[in-house]
Amino acid sequence: MLRDLVGISKEVVVSVSHTTRKKREGEVDGVHYHFIDIDTFNAMAEKGKFLEHAQVFDNFYGTSQSHIEELLSTGIDVILEIDWQGANQVRKLMPDNISIFILPPSKKELRSRLSNRGTDSEEIIDRRMRDAENEMSHYGEFDYLIVNDDFNMALEELAAILTSNRVTISKQDERIKSLLIDLLE
């Protein structure tokens, strides 16, 4: 869904996380993830290079802080695809961020979507389902909640959140400062 949003808005990018997990068939390094080894990941974490990082299942994931700051400085909205642990870390370092939790329409549908990807064994899907229950229990910590039942509706809701955030007074004050000065002189 997030990649589809990027396709309709030039003001939005999806961050590419670092991970220690193995590359799946069809994934491209630097596009889907930055695939790194555990030693490199740990060194980056120790040096404070990550805005957020967490262990998910048996792998580590992290978002480069300098890259996010660079993108934000250009006025682009940056979407991080992270779990609740990472979102908590981002809230502490960037309290002005907005957070959106996307829920599946049901556990049955979530299992079906995981199975239909064809990338994981039943054992891994069972584990993901157990972990998903814990993950979903944290929805109340987020600013917005979207149920991804009807894809087009969920995409529309996500776009509306980003658009409304882009036109807040504080953002518009910066963005159209010269126009405001001209209009109020």
N, C-alpha and C. Protein backbone atom coordinates (compact mmCIF):
# COMPACT_ATOMS: atom_id res chain seq x y z
N MET A 1 0.82 -1.19 0.00
CA MET A 1 0.00 0.00 0.00
C MET A 1 0.87 1.25 0.00
N LEU A 2 1.94 1.23 0.79
CA LEU A 2 2.77 2.43 0.90
C LEU A 2 3.45 2.76 -0.42
N ARG A 3 3.88 1.75 -1.13
CA ARG A 3 4.52 1.97 -2.43
C ARG A 3 3.51 2.57 -3.42
N ASP A 4 2.24 2.18 -3.30
CA ASP A 4 1.20 2.75 -4.16
C ASP A 4 1.00 4.23 -3.86
N LEU A 5 1.10 4.60 -2.58
CA LEU A 5 0.95 6.00 -2.20
C LEU A 5 2.08 6.83 -2.81
N VAL A 6 3.27 6.31 -2.77
CA VAL A 6 4.41 7.01 -3.35
C VAL A 6 4.19 7.22 -4.84
N GLY A 7 3.53 6.28 -5.49
CA GLY A 7 3.25 6.39 -6.91
C GLY A 7 2.31 7.52 -7.27
N ILE A 8 1.49 7.99 -6.30
CA ILE A 8 0.55 9.06 -6.60
C ILE A 8 0.95 10.40 -5.99
N SER A 9 2.03 10.44 -5.22
CA SER A 9 2.46 11.70 -4.61
C SER A 9 3.97 11.83 -4.69
N LYS A 10 4.42 12.96 -5.22
CA LYS A 10 5.86 13.23 -5.32
C LYS A 10 6.43 13.74 -4.00
N GLU A 11 5.57 14.01 -3.04
CA GLU A 11 6.02 14.57 -1.77
C GLU A 11 6.17 13.51 -0.69
N VAL A 12 6.14 12.23 -1.08
CA VAL A 12 6.20 11.14 -0.12
C VAL A 12 7.20 10.09 -0.58
N VAL A 13 8.03 9.62 0.35
CA VAL A 13 8.92 8.50 0.07
C VAL A 13 8.78 7.50 1.21
N VAL A 14 9.06 6.25 0.90
CA VAL A 14 9.09 5.21 1.92
C VAL A 14 10.56 4.95 2.23
N SER A 15 10.90 5.02 3.50
CA SER A 15 12.27 4.78 3.93
C SER A 15 12.67 3.33 3.65
N VAL A 16 13.93 3.15 3.33
CA VAL A 16 14.47 1.80 3.13
C VAL A 16 15.27 1.45 4.37
N SER A 17 14.80 0.46 5.11
CA SER A 17 15.44 0.05 6.36
C SER A 17 16.66 -0.83 6.11
N HIS A 18 17.50 -0.90 7.13
CA HIS A 18 18.60 -1.87 7.15
C HIS A 18 18.09 -3.13 7.84
N THR A 19 18.54 -4.28 7.39
CA THR A 19 18.15 -5.53 8.04
C THR A 19 19.26 -6.56 7.96
N THR A 20 19.24 -7.46 8.93
CA THR A 20 20.18 -8.57 8.94
C THR A 20 19.57 -9.83 8.35
N ARG A 21 18.30 -9.77 7.95
CA ARG A 21 17.70 -10.98 7.40
C ARG A 21 18.19 -11.23 5.99
N LYS A 22 18.06 -12.47 5.57
CA LYS A 22 18.49 -12.85 4.23
C LYS A 22 17.55 -12.27 3.19
N LYS A 23 18.12 -11.93 2.04
CA LYS A 23 17.34 -11.38 0.94
C LYS A 23 16.44 -12.48 0.38
N ARG A 24 15.16 -12.13 0.17
CA ARG A 24 14.21 -13.06 -0.46
C ARG A 24 14.32 -12.92 -1.98
N GLU A 25 13.83 -13.93 -2.66
CA GLU A 25 13.84 -13.91 -4.12
C GLU A 25 13.10 -12.66 -4.62
N GLY A 26 13.73 -11.96 -5.55
CA GLY A 26 13.12 -10.77 -6.14
C GLY A 26 13.45 -9.47 -5.41
N GLU A 27 13.98 -9.55 -4.20
CA GLU A 27 14.32 -8.33 -3.48
C GLU A 27 15.65 -7.75 -3.99
N VAL A 28 15.73 -6.43 -3.97
CA VAL A 28 16.91 -5.73 -4.46
C VAL A 28 17.51 -4.93 -3.30
N ASP A 29 18.81 -5.12 -3.08
CA ASP A 29 19.50 -4.38 -2.03
C ASP A 29 19.42 -2.89 -2.32
N GLY A 30 19.05 -2.10 -1.32
CA GLY A 30 18.93 -0.66 -1.48
C GLY A 30 17.57 -0.21 -1.96
N VAL A 31 16.74 -1.16 -2.41
CA VAL A 31 15.38 -0.84 -2.84
C VAL A 31 14.38 -1.35 -1.82
N HIS A 32 14.45 -2.62 -1.50
CA HIS A 32 13.55 -3.21 -0.52
C HIS A 32 14.10 -3.06 0.90
N TYR A 33 15.37 -3.31 1.05
CA TYR A 33 16.11 -3.15 2.30
C TYR A 33 17.56 -2.90 1.96
N HIS A 34 18.31 -2.43 2.97
CA HIS A 34 19.76 -2.45 2.90
C HIS A 34 20.15 -3.71 3.68
N PHE A 35 20.60 -4.74 2.98
CA PHE A 35 20.92 -6.01 3.61
C PHE A 35 22.35 -5.95 4.13
N ILE A 36 22.49 -6.11 5.46
CA ILE A 36 23.81 -6.04 6.10
C ILE A 36 23.97 -7.20 7.06
N ASP A 37 25.21 -7.47 7.46
CA ASP A 37 25.44 -8.55 8.41
C ASP A 37 25.26 -8.04 9.85
N ILE A 38 25.21 -8.96 10.78
CA ILE A 38 24.94 -8.62 12.18
C ILE A 38 26.03 -7.72 12.75
N ASP A 39 27.31 -7.99 12.42
CA ASP A 39 28.39 -7.15 12.95
C ASP A 39 28.26 -5.70 12.49
N THR A 40 27.94 -5.51 11.22
CA THR A 40 27.76 -4.16 10.70
C THR A 40 26.57 -3.48 11.38
N PHE A 41 25.48 -4.24 11.55
CA PHE A 41 24.29 -3.69 12.22
C PHE A 41 24.64 -3.25 13.63
N ASN A 42 25.29 -4.13 14.39
CA ASN A 42 25.64 -3.81 15.78
C ASN A 42 26.56 -2.60 15.86
N ALA A 43 27.51 -2.49 14.93
CA ALA A 43 28.42 -1.34 14.92
C ALA A 43 27.64 -0.05 14.67
N MET A 44 26.69 -0.10 13.73
CA MET A 44 25.87 1.08 13.44
C MET A 44 25.03 1.46 14.66
N ALA A 45 24.45 0.47 15.31
CA ALA A 45 23.62 0.73 16.50
C ALA A 45 24.46 1.34 17.62
N GLU A 46 25.65 0.80 17.84
CA GLU A 46 26.53 1.32 18.89
C GLU A 46 26.95 2.76 18.64
N LYS A 47 27.08 3.13 17.36
CA LYS A 47 27.47 4.50 17.00
C LYS A 47 26.28 5.45 16.92
N GLY A 48 25.06 4.95 17.24
CA GLY A 48 23.87 5.79 17.22
C GLY A 48 23.43 6.18 15.82
N LYS A 49 23.68 5.35 14.85
CA LYS A 49 23.34 5.65 13.45
C LYS A 49 21.86 5.45 13.14
N PHE A 50 21.15 4.74 14.01
CA PHE A 50 19.75 4.43 13.74
C PHE A 50 18.81 5.37 14.48
N LEU A 51 17.80 5.85 13.78
CA LEU A 51 16.71 6.60 14.39
C LEU A 51 15.90 5.65 15.27
N GLU A 52 15.74 4.44 14.79
CA GLU A 52 15.07 3.39 15.52
C GLU A 52 15.64 2.06 15.07
N HIS A 53 15.61 1.09 15.97
CA HIS A 53 16.00 -0.26 15.58
C HIS A 53 15.38 -1.25 16.56
N ALA A 54 15.17 -2.45 16.06
CA ALA A 54 14.52 -3.47 16.88
C ALA A 54 14.85 -4.86 16.34
N GLN A 55 14.69 -5.83 17.20
CA GLN A 55 14.78 -7.21 16.77
C GLN A 55 13.37 -7.70 16.53
N VAL A 56 13.14 -8.23 15.35
CA VAL A 56 11.84 -8.78 14.98
C VAL A 56 12.09 -10.22 14.54
N PHE A 57 11.48 -11.16 15.23
CA PHE A 57 11.79 -12.57 15.03
C PHE A 57 13.28 -12.76 15.31
N ASP A 58 14.00 -13.32 14.39
CA ASP A 58 15.43 -13.58 14.63
C ASP A 58 16.33 -12.59 13.90
N ASN A 59 15.76 -11.52 13.41
CA ASN A 59 16.52 -10.56 12.62
C ASN A 59 16.43 -9.17 13.23
N PHE A 60 17.36 -8.33 12.82
CA PHE A 60 17.39 -6.95 13.28
C PHE A 60 17.02 -6.02 12.13
N TYR A 61 16.32 -4.94 12.48
CA TYR A 61 15.90 -3.94 11.51
C TYR A 61 16.20 -2.56 12.09
N GLY A 62 16.61 -1.63 11.24
CA GLY A 62 16.89 -0.28 11.71
C GLY A 62 16.76 0.74 10.60
N THR A 63 16.47 1.98 11.00
CA THR A 63 16.30 3.09 10.07
C THR A 63 17.41 4.10 10.27
N SER A 64 18.11 4.45 9.21
CA SER A 64 19.21 5.40 9.27
C SER A 64 18.71 6.79 9.65
N GLN A 65 19.20 7.31 10.76
CA GLN A 65 18.76 8.63 11.21
C GLN A 65 19.22 9.73 10.26
N SER A 66 20.47 9.69 9.82
CA SER A 66 20.97 10.76 8.95
C SER A 66 20.20 10.79 7.62
N HIS A 67 19.85 9.63 7.09
CA HIS A 67 19.11 9.59 5.83
C HIS A 67 17.71 10.20 6.00
N ILE A 68 17.04 9.87 7.11
CA ILE A 68 15.70 10.41 7.36
C ILE A 68 15.77 11.93 7.52
N GLU A 69 16.73 12.40 8.29
CA GLU A 69 16.88 13.84 8.50
C GLU A 69 17.16 14.57 7.18
N GLU A 70 17.97 13.94 6.33
CA GLU A 70 18.28 14.52 5.02
C GLU A 70 17.01 14.64 4.17
N LEU A 71 16.21 13.58 4.13
CA LEU A 71 14.97 13.61 3.35
C LEU A 71 14.00 14.64 3.91
N LEU A 72 13.83 14.68 5.21
CA LEU A 72 12.90 15.63 5.83
C LEU A 72 13.31 17.07 5.57
N SER A 73 14.61 17.32 5.52
CA SER A 73 15.08 18.69 5.30
C SER A 73 14.71 19.22 3.92
N THR A 74 14.36 18.33 2.99
CA THR A 74 13.95 18.76 1.64
C THR A 74 12.45 19.01 1.57
N GLY A 75 11.72 18.76 2.66
CA GLY A 75 10.28 18.98 2.66
C GLY A 75 9.47 17.77 2.26
N ILE A 76 10.12 16.66 2.06
CA ILE A 76 9.44 15.42 1.68
C ILE A 76 8.93 14.72 2.93
N ASP A 77 7.73 14.13 2.84
CA ASP A 77 7.22 13.28 3.92
C ASP A 77 7.87 11.91 3.79
N VAL A 78 8.31 11.37 4.92
CA VAL A 78 8.99 10.08 4.91
C VAL A 78 8.17 9.09 5.72
N ILE A 79 7.85 7.98 5.10
CA ILE A 79 7.10 6.92 5.78
C ILE A 79 8.07 5.85 6.23
N LEU A 80 7.99 5.49 7.50
CA LEU A 80 8.79 4.39 8.04
C LEU A 80 7.86 3.20 8.24
N GLU A 81 8.21 2.07 7.70
CA GLU A 81 7.45 0.83 7.91
C GLU A 81 8.10 0.11 9.09
N ILE A 82 7.60 0.41 10.29
CA ILE A 82 8.25 -0.09 11.50
C ILE A 82 7.20 -0.65 12.46
N ASP A 83 7.68 -1.40 13.45
CA ASP A 83 6.77 -1.95 14.44
C ASP A 83 6.58 -0.96 15.59
N TRP A 84 5.78 -1.35 16.57
CA TRP A 84 5.46 -0.44 17.68
C TRP A 84 6.69 -0.07 18.49
N GLN A 85 7.66 -0.98 18.60
CA GLN A 85 8.88 -0.67 19.35
C GLN A 85 9.64 0.47 18.67
N GLY A 86 9.78 0.37 17.36
CA GLY A 86 10.46 1.42 16.60
C GLY A 86 9.71 2.73 16.66
N ALA A 87 8.39 2.65 16.59
CA ALA A 87 7.57 3.87 16.65
C ALA A 87 7.78 4.59 17.98
N ASN A 88 7.91 3.84 19.07
CA ASN A 88 8.18 4.46 20.37
C ASN A 88 9.52 5.19 20.37
N GLN A 89 10.52 4.60 19.75
CA GLN A 89 11.84 5.23 19.67
C GLN A 89 11.77 6.52 18.84
N VAL A 90 11.05 6.48 17.74
CA VAL A 90 10.93 7.66 16.87
C VAL A 90 10.20 8.77 17.62
N ARG A 91 9.14 8.44 18.37
CA ARG A 91 8.39 9.45 19.12
C ARG A 91 9.30 10.20 20.09
N LYS A 92 10.25 9.50 20.69
CA LYS A 92 11.15 10.15 21.65
C LYS A 92 12.12 11.11 20.96
N LEU A 93 12.61 10.73 19.79
CA LEU A 93 13.59 11.56 19.08
C LEU A 93 12.95 12.61 18.18
N MET A 94 11.74 12.33 17.69
CA MET A 94 11.03 13.25 16.79
C MET A 94 9.58 13.34 17.24
N PRO A 95 9.32 14.06 18.33
CA PRO A 95 7.97 14.08 18.89
C PRO A 95 6.91 14.70 17.98
N ASP A 96 7.31 15.43 16.94
CA ASP A 96 6.33 16.03 16.03
C ASP A 96 5.89 15.10 14.91
N ASN A 97 6.39 13.87 14.92
CA ASN A 97 5.99 12.94 13.86
C ASN A 97 4.54 12.55 14.03
N ILE A 98 3.95 12.02 12.97
CA ILE A 98 2.61 11.44 13.10
C ILE A 98 2.77 9.93 12.91
N SER A 99 1.96 9.19 13.62
CA SER A 99 2.06 7.73 13.54
C SER A 99 0.71 7.14 13.12
N ILE A 100 0.80 6.18 12.23
CA ILE A 100 -0.38 5.56 11.66
C ILE A 100 -0.25 4.06 11.82
N PHE A 101 -1.25 3.44 12.42
CA PHE A 101 -1.25 1.99 12.59
C PHE A 101 -2.22 1.40 11.57
N ILE A 102 -1.75 0.44 10.81
CA ILE A 102 -2.59 -0.19 9.79
C ILE A 102 -2.92 -1.61 10.24
N LEU A 103 -4.21 -1.85 10.41
CA LEU A 103 -4.71 -3.15 10.87
C LEU A 103 -5.23 -3.98 9.70
N PRO A 104 -5.11 -5.30 9.80
CA PRO A 104 -5.80 -6.16 8.83
C PRO A 104 -7.28 -6.22 9.19
N PRO A 105 -8.15 -6.62 8.27
CA PRO A 105 -9.58 -6.68 8.59
C PRO A 105 -9.95 -7.82 9.53
N SER A 106 -9.09 -8.83 9.63
CA SER A 106 -9.35 -9.96 10.52
C SER A 106 -8.08 -10.80 10.63
N LYS A 107 -8.03 -11.65 11.64
CA LYS A 107 -6.90 -12.57 11.78
C LYS A 107 -6.88 -13.56 10.61
N LYS A 108 -8.06 -13.99 10.21
CA LYS A 108 -8.16 -14.94 9.10
C LYS A 108 -7.57 -14.34 7.83
N GLU A 109 -7.90 -13.09 7.56
CA GLU A 109 -7.39 -12.42 6.35
C GLU A 109 -5.88 -12.20 6.46
N LEU A 110 -5.39 -11.86 7.65
CA LEU A 110 -3.95 -11.68 7.84
C LEU A 110 -3.21 -12.98 7.52
N ARG A 111 -3.71 -14.08 8.06
CA ARG A 111 -3.09 -15.38 7.79
C ARG A 111 -3.11 -15.68 6.30
N SER A 112 -4.22 -15.40 5.65
CA SER A 112 -4.34 -15.64 4.22
C SER A 112 -3.31 -14.80 3.44
N ARG A 113 -3.15 -13.56 3.81
CA ARG A 113 -2.19 -12.69 3.12
C ARG A 113 -0.77 -13.18 3.32
N LEU A 114 -0.45 -13.60 4.53
CA LEU A 114 0.89 -14.14 4.80
C LEU A 114 1.13 -15.42 4.00
N SER A 115 0.14 -16.27 3.95
CA SER A 115 0.26 -17.53 3.21
C SER A 115 0.39 -17.30 1.71
N ASN A 116 -0.39 -16.36 1.20
CA ASN A 116 -0.39 -16.09 -0.24
C ASN A 116 0.91 -15.48 -0.75
N ARG A 117 1.70 -14.90 0.16
CA ARG A 117 3.00 -14.37 -0.27
C ARG A 117 3.91 -15.50 -0.75
N GLY A 118 3.72 -16.69 -0.16
CA GLY A 118 4.51 -17.85 -0.57
C GLY A 118 5.97 -17.78 -0.19
N THR A 119 6.30 -16.98 0.83
CA THR A 119 7.71 -16.83 1.21
C THR A 119 8.06 -17.49 2.54
N ASP A 120 7.05 -17.87 3.31
CA ASP A 120 7.30 -18.41 4.65
C ASP A 120 6.65 -19.77 4.86
N SER A 121 7.26 -20.56 5.73
CA SER A 121 6.70 -21.86 6.09
C SER A 121 5.51 -21.65 7.03
N GLU A 122 4.72 -22.70 7.22
CA GLU A 122 3.58 -22.63 8.16
C GLU A 122 4.06 -22.29 9.57
N GLU A 123 5.20 -22.84 9.95
CA GLU A 123 5.76 -22.57 11.28
C GLU A 123 6.05 -21.08 11.46
N ILE A 124 6.63 -20.47 10.44
CA ILE A 124 6.93 -19.03 10.51
C ILE A 124 5.64 -18.21 10.49
N ILE A 125 4.68 -18.63 9.68
CA ILE A 125 3.40 -17.92 9.64
C ILE A 125 2.71 -18.00 10.99
N ASP A 126 2.74 -19.17 11.64
CA ASP A 126 2.16 -19.31 12.99
C ASP A 126 2.83 -18.34 13.96
N ARG A 127 4.15 -18.25 13.87
CA ARG A 127 4.89 -17.34 14.76
C ARG A 127 4.52 -15.89 14.45
N ARG A 128 4.43 -15.55 13.19
CA ARG A 128 4.05 -14.19 12.81
C ARG A 128 2.64 -13.85 13.32
N MET A 129 1.76 -14.81 13.27
CA MET A 129 0.39 -14.58 13.76
C MET A 129 0.40 -14.32 15.27
N ARG A 130 1.17 -15.09 16.02
CA ARG A 130 1.27 -14.86 17.47
C ARG A 130 1.84 -13.48 17.76
N ASP A 131 2.90 -13.13 17.04
CA ASP A 131 3.53 -11.82 17.24
C ASP A 131 2.62 -10.68 16.79
N ALA A 132 1.82 -10.93 15.76
CA ALA A 132 0.90 -9.90 15.26
C ALA A 132 -0.13 -9.53 16.32
N GLU A 133 -0.58 -10.51 17.10
CA GLU A 133 -1.54 -10.20 18.16
C GLU A 133 -0.94 -9.22 19.15
N ASN A 134 0.30 -9.45 19.54
CA ASN A 134 0.98 -8.52 20.45
C ASN A 134 1.14 -7.16 19.79
N GLU A 135 1.57 -7.15 18.55
CA GLU A 135 1.78 -5.91 17.80
C GLU A 135 0.47 -5.10 17.75
N MET A 136 -0.62 -5.76 17.40
CA MET A 136 -1.90 -5.07 17.24
C MET A 136 -2.42 -4.51 18.56
N SER A 137 -2.00 -5.08 19.68
CA SER A 137 -2.46 -4.58 20.98
C SER A 137 -1.92 -3.18 21.26
N HIS A 138 -0.97 -2.71 20.48
CA HIS A 138 -0.37 -1.39 20.68
C HIS A 138 -0.98 -0.31 19.79
N TYR A 139 -2.06 -0.61 19.09
CA TYR A 139 -2.65 0.36 18.16
C TYR A 139 -2.99 1.69 18.84
N GLY A 140 -3.37 1.66 20.11
CA GLY A 140 -3.78 2.87 20.83
C GLY A 140 -2.66 3.86 21.08
N GLU A 141 -1.43 3.46 20.83
CA GLU A 141 -0.28 4.35 21.01
C GLU A 141 -0.05 5.24 19.79
N PHE A 142 -0.81 5.03 18.74
CA PHE A 142 -0.62 5.74 17.48
C PHE A 142 -1.64 6.87 17.33
N ASP A 143 -1.36 7.79 16.41
CA ASP A 143 -2.25 8.93 16.19
C ASP A 143 -3.45 8.57 15.32
N TYR A 144 -3.25 7.68 14.36
CA TYR A 144 -4.30 7.31 13.40
C TYR A 144 -4.38 5.80 13.29
N LEU A 145 -5.55 5.34 12.90
CA LEU A 145 -5.80 3.91 12.74
C LEU A 145 -6.53 3.68 11.42
N ILE A 146 -5.96 2.82 10.59
CA ILE A 146 -6.56 2.48 9.30
C ILE A 146 -6.75 0.97 9.27
N VAL A 147 -7.91 0.53 8.79
CA VAL A 147 -8.16 -0.90 8.59
C VAL A 147 -8.00 -1.16 7.09
N ASN A 148 -7.06 -2.02 6.75
CA ASN A 148 -6.78 -2.33 5.35
C ASN A 148 -7.68 -3.47 4.89
N ASP A 149 -8.96 -3.16 4.75
CA ASP A 149 -9.94 -4.12 4.26
C ASP A 149 -10.13 -3.88 2.77
N ASP A 150 -10.57 -2.69 2.43
CA ASP A 150 -10.70 -2.27 1.03
C ASP A 150 -9.44 -1.47 0.71
N PHE A 151 -8.60 -2.02 -0.16
CA PHE A 151 -7.30 -1.42 -0.44
C PHE A 151 -7.42 0.04 -0.87
N ASN A 152 -8.30 0.34 -1.81
CA ASN A 152 -8.43 1.71 -2.31
C ASN A 152 -8.87 2.68 -1.22
N MET A 153 -9.77 2.24 -0.36
CA MET A 153 -10.22 3.09 0.75
C MET A 153 -9.08 3.33 1.74
N ALA A 154 -8.34 2.29 2.05
CA ALA A 154 -7.20 2.43 2.97
C ALA A 154 -6.16 3.38 2.39
N LEU A 155 -5.90 3.25 1.11
CA LEU A 155 -4.94 4.14 0.44
C LEU A 155 -5.43 5.58 0.47
N GLU A 156 -6.71 5.78 0.24
CA GLU A 156 -7.32 7.11 0.28
C GLU A 156 -7.21 7.71 1.69
N GLU A 157 -7.47 6.92 2.70
CA GLU A 157 -7.37 7.39 4.09
C GLU A 157 -5.93 7.77 4.43
N LEU A 158 -5.00 6.96 4.00
CA LEU A 158 -3.59 7.25 4.25
C LEU A 158 -3.18 8.55 3.56
N ALA A 159 -3.58 8.72 2.32
CA ALA A 159 -3.27 9.96 1.58
C ALA A 159 -3.89 11.17 2.27
N ALA A 160 -5.11 11.03 2.78
CA ALA A 160 -5.79 12.14 3.45
C ALA A 160 -5.04 12.56 4.72
N ILE A 161 -4.54 11.59 5.45
CA ILE A 161 -3.78 11.91 6.67
C ILE A 161 -2.52 12.69 6.31
N LEU A 162 -1.81 12.23 5.30
CA LEU A 162 -0.58 12.90 4.91
C LEU A 162 -0.86 14.31 4.37
N THR A 163 -1.90 14.45 3.58
CA THR A 163 -2.26 15.75 3.03
C THR A 163 -2.65 16.72 4.14
N SER A 164 -3.48 16.27 5.07
CA SER A 164 -3.90 17.17 6.15
C SER A 164 -2.72 17.58 7.02
N ASN A 165 -1.79 16.69 7.23
CA ASN A 165 -0.61 17.02 8.02
C ASN A 165 0.27 18.04 7.30
N ARG A 166 0.29 18.00 5.99
CA ARG A 166 1.12 18.89 5.20
C ARG A 166 0.61 20.33 5.23
N VAL A 167 -0.67 20.55 5.54
CA VAL A 167 -1.23 21.91 5.50
C VAL A 167 -1.57 22.47 6.89
N THR A 168 -0.93 21.95 7.91
CA THR A 168 -1.10 22.54 9.24
C THR A 168 -0.49 23.94 9.24
N ILE A 169 -0.90 24.76 10.17
CA ILE A 169 -0.38 26.14 10.25
C ILE A 169 1.14 26.13 10.36
N SER A 170 1.70 25.30 11.22
CA SER A 170 3.15 25.32 11.41
C SER A 170 3.88 24.95 10.12
N LYS A 171 3.37 24.01 9.36
CA LYS A 171 4.02 23.61 8.10
C LYS A 171 3.82 24.69 7.03
N GLN A 172 2.62 25.24 6.95
CA GLN A 172 2.34 26.26 5.94
C GLN A 172 3.10 27.55 6.24
N ASP A 173 3.26 27.90 7.51
CA ASP A 173 4.04 29.09 7.87
C ASP A 173 5.42 29.03 7.24
N GLU A 174 6.05 27.87 7.29
CA GLU A 174 7.37 27.70 6.70
C GLU A 174 7.32 27.65 5.18
N ARG A 175 6.39 26.90 4.67
CA ARG A 175 6.31 26.63 3.23
C ARG A 175 5.96 27.86 2.40
N ILE A 176 5.03 28.67 2.91
CA ILE A 176 4.57 29.82 2.11
C ILE A 176 4.85 31.14 2.83
N LYS A 177 5.96 31.16 3.53
CA LYS A 177 6.33 32.34 4.32
C LYS A 177 6.32 33.62 3.48
N SER A 178 6.92 33.60 2.30
CA SER A 178 6.98 34.83 1.49
C SER A 178 5.59 35.26 1.05
N LEU A 179 4.71 34.32 0.72
CA LEU A 179 3.33 34.67 0.35
C LEU A 179 2.62 35.31 1.54
N LEU A 180 2.76 34.75 2.71
CA LEU A 180 2.09 35.30 3.89
C LEU A 180 2.60 36.72 4.18
N ILE A 181 3.89 36.92 4.06
CA ILE A 181 4.43 38.26 4.29
C ILE A 181 3.85 39.24 3.28
N ASP A 182 3.83 38.82 2.01
CA ASP A 182 3.30 39.68 0.95
C ASP A 182 1.81 40.00 1.17
N LEU A 183 1.03 39.00 1.57
CA LEU A 183 -0.39 39.21 1.76
C LEU A 183 -0.69 40.10 2.97
N LEU A 184 0.16 40.07 3.97
CA LEU A 184 -0.12 40.79 5.20
C LEU A 184 0.57 42.15 5.29
N GLU A 185 1.31 42.52 4.29
CA GLU A 185 1.98 43.84 4.29
C GLU A 185 1.02 44.94 3.96
